[in-house]
């Protein structure tokens, strides 16, 4: 039943006619499902989940953006997400989301959690170390005083 719902939820997120509330609720469900097990992560990914979720991360609606980022984060460390984030341009987007902790705390928290997980991959670790904005983001987060974020950035730094 859980696997059968994935396709419908992905379709709700993709559908232009869906309201922001419908997309948000579908994304929250995908977030929960993505954290369940590897089989469910694989189903989300096989339904073009990475593409759909990454598109939703650029929604005009803040809560949709946050839920999409959280859903993507819950797919880590799936091999397909690792492969996706090995692209420097994709990684820059996650660093930018992580940098926005003052304006969008929950979204930044999800992005930092994802970065902490995927930087275990040597290719991603190498790519992020080349990004000037990544070191600026890490310094900024480490001085923000928000332990939840600081922990995630420390794990990322240790992985690098």
Protein backbone atom coordinates (compact mmCIF):
# COMPACT_ATOMS: atom_id res chain seq x y z
CA UNK A 1 0.00 0.00 0.00
CA UNK A 2 2.82 2.39 0.87
CA UNK A 3 4.62 1.70 -2.41
CA UNK A 4 1.41 2.09 -4.40
CA UNK A 5 0.85 5.58 -3.06
CA UNK A 6 4.21 6.89 -4.31
CA UNK A 7 3.13 7.27 -7.95
CA UNK A 8 -0.03 9.19 -7.00
CA UNK A 9 1.90 11.51 -4.68
CA UNK A 10 4.55 12.23 -7.32
CA UNK A 11 1.78 13.00 -9.81
CA UNK A 12 0.18 15.45 -7.37
CA UNK A 13 3.50 17.28 -7.02
CA UNK A 14 4.02 17.36 -10.81
CA UNK A 15 0.50 18.42 -11.71
CA UNK A 16 0.19 22.11 -12.56
CA UNK A 17 -3.45 22.06 -11.51
CA UNK A 18 -2.57 20.97 -7.96
CA UNK A 19 -2.84 23.68 -5.32
CA UNK A 20 0.14 24.58 -3.18
CA UNK A 21 -1.59 22.87 -0.26
CA UNK A 22 -1.99 19.64 -2.25
CA UNK A 23 1.66 19.76 -3.32
CA UNK A 24 2.77 20.49 0.24
CA UNK A 25 0.77 17.58 1.68
CA UNK A 26 2.00 15.22 -1.05
CA UNK A 27 5.58 16.30 -0.39
CA UNK A 28 5.19 15.75 3.36
CA UNK A 29 3.92 12.25 2.61
CA UNK A 30 6.86 11.60 0.30
CA UNK A 31 9.19 12.90 3.02
CA UNK A 32 7.77 10.38 5.47
CA UNK A 33 7.82 7.56 2.93
CA UNK A 34 11.37 8.37 1.85
CA UNK A 35 12.56 7.88 5.39
CA UNK A 36 10.88 4.48 5.69
CA UNK A 37 13.20 2.04 3.89
CA UNK A 38 15.39 1.54 0.83
CA UNK A 39 12.62 -0.12 -1.17
CA UNK A 40 10.43 2.95 -0.77
CA UNK A 41 13.31 5.28 -1.67
CA UNK A 42 13.86 3.22 -4.80
CA UNK A 43 10.18 3.51 -5.74
CA UNK A 44 10.24 7.29 -5.31
CA UNK A 45 13.35 7.51 -7.47
CA UNK A 46 11.99 5.15 -10.12
CA UNK A 47 8.95 7.41 -10.45
CA UNK A 48 11.31 10.26 -11.47
CA UNK A 49 11.22 11.50 -7.90
CA UNK A 50 14.58 13.26 -7.97
CA UNK A 51 13.57 15.31 -11.00
CA UNK A 52 10.10 16.13 -9.63
CA UNK A 53 11.34 16.98 -6.13
CA UNK A 54 14.22 19.12 -7.41
CA UNK A 55 11.75 21.07 -9.55
CA UNK A 56 9.46 21.56 -6.53
CA UNK A 57 12.42 22.94 -4.56
CA UNK A 58 12.05 26.09 -6.67
CA UNK A 59 8.37 26.67 -5.94
CA UNK A 60 7.26 30.20 -5.15
CA UNK A 61 5.59 28.80 -2.04
CA UNK A 62 8.00 28.59 0.91
CA UNK A 63 6.33 25.56 2.50
CA UNK A 64 6.40 23.64 -0.79
CA UNK A 65 10.10 24.47 -1.16
CA UNK A 66 10.81 23.27 2.37
CA UNK A 67 8.85 20.05 1.99
CA UNK A 68 10.52 19.27 -1.35
CA UNK A 69 13.96 19.83 0.19
CA UNK A 70 13.07 17.60 3.13
CA UNK A 71 11.76 14.89 0.79
CA UNK A 72 14.96 14.99 -1.27
CA UNK A 73 17.06 14.88 1.91
CA UNK A 74 15.29 11.73 3.01
CA UNK A 75 16.42 10.00 -0.18
CA UNK A 76 20.07 10.27 0.93
CA UNK A 77 22.28 8.27 0.73
CA UNK A 78 20.61 6.50 -2.22
CA UNK A 79 23.08 5.95 -5.07
CA UNK A 80 20.95 7.87 -7.58
CA UNK A 81 20.82 10.93 -5.34
CA UNK A 82 24.57 10.68 -4.77
CA UNK A 83 25.08 10.56 -8.55
CA UNK A 84 22.76 13.56 -9.01
CA UNK A 85 24.62 15.61 -6.39
CA UNK A 86 28.02 14.82 -7.87
CA UNK A 87 27.22 17.51 -10.41
CA UNK A 88 28.76 20.73 -9.18
CA UNK A 89 25.79 22.84 -10.30
CA UNK A 90 23.36 20.71 -8.28
CA UNK A 91 25.61 20.86 -5.25
CA UNK A 92 25.74 24.66 -5.46
CA UNK A 93 21.96 24.76 -5.13
CA UNK A 94 22.10 22.76 -1.92
CA UNK A 95 24.80 25.00 -0.52
CA UNK A 96 22.63 28.02 -1.36
CA UNK A 97 19.64 26.47 0.42
CA UNK A 98 21.84 25.69 3.43
CA UNK A 99 23.06 29.30 3.47
CA UNK A 100 19.53 30.66 3.78
CA UNK A 101 19.10 29.60 7.43
CA UNK A 102 18.04 33.03 8.66
CA UNK A 103 15.17 33.32 6.17
CA UNK A 104 14.16 29.67 5.83
CA UNK A 105 15.42 27.70 8.80
CA UNK A 106 13.60 24.41 8.10
CA UNK A 107 14.71 24.33 4.48
CA UNK A 108 18.31 25.08 5.47
CA UNK A 109 18.17 22.38 8.14
CA UNK A 110 17.07 19.82 5.55
CA UNK A 111 19.73 20.94 3.07
CA UNK A 112 22.45 20.77 5.74
CA UNK A 113 21.28 17.31 6.78
CA UNK A 114 21.49 16.13 3.21
CA UNK A 115 24.95 17.64 2.75
CA UNK A 116 26.13 15.99 5.97
CA UNK A 117 25.01 12.62 4.61
CA UNK A 118 26.14 12.87 1.00
CA UNK A 119 29.58 14.29 1.76
CA UNK A 120 30.51 10.78 2.88
CA UNK A 121 30.93 10.22 -0.86
CA UNK A 122 34.52 11.16 -1.84
CA UNK A 123 33.48 12.72 -5.16
CA UNK A 124 30.89 14.98 -3.52
CA UNK A 125 33.29 15.79 -0.72
CA UNK A 126 35.89 16.83 -3.27
CA UNK A 127 33.37 18.89 -5.27
CA UNK A 128 32.04 20.75 -2.24
CA UNK A 129 35.57 21.55 -1.10
CA UNK A 130 36.09 23.40 -4.40
CA UNK A 131 33.05 25.62 -3.89
CA UNK A 132 33.93 29.01 -2.43
CA UNK A 133 30.35 29.51 -1.26
CA UNK A 134 30.50 26.26 0.71
CA UNK A 135 33.25 27.47 3.02
CA UNK A 136 31.46 30.80 3.48
CA UNK A 137 28.22 28.95 4.28
CA UNK A 138 29.98 26.69 6.79
CA UNK A 139 31.59 29.62 8.59
CA UNK A 140 28.28 31.43 8.69
CA UNK A 141 26.38 28.43 10.07
CA UNK A 142 29.07 27.68 12.65
CA UNK A 143 28.73 31.19 14.03
CA UNK A 144 24.91 31.31 14.00
CA UNK A 145 24.43 29.74 17.43
CA UNK A 146 21.79 27.24 16.26
CA UNK A 147 23.13 23.91 17.50
CA UNK A 148 20.94 21.84 15.20
CA UNK A 149 22.48 23.50 12.16
CA UNK A 150 25.98 23.71 13.60
CA UNK A 151 26.02 19.95 14.20
CA UNK A 152 25.08 19.22 10.58
CA UNK A 153 27.77 21.55 9.23
CA UNK A 154 30.38 20.00 11.55
CA UNK A 155 29.55 16.54 10.21
CA UNK A 156 29.88 17.93 6.67
CA UNK A 157 33.25 19.48 7.52
CA UNK A 158 34.48 16.22 9.07
CA UNK A 159 33.46 14.35 5.92
CA UNK A 160 35.39 16.76 3.74
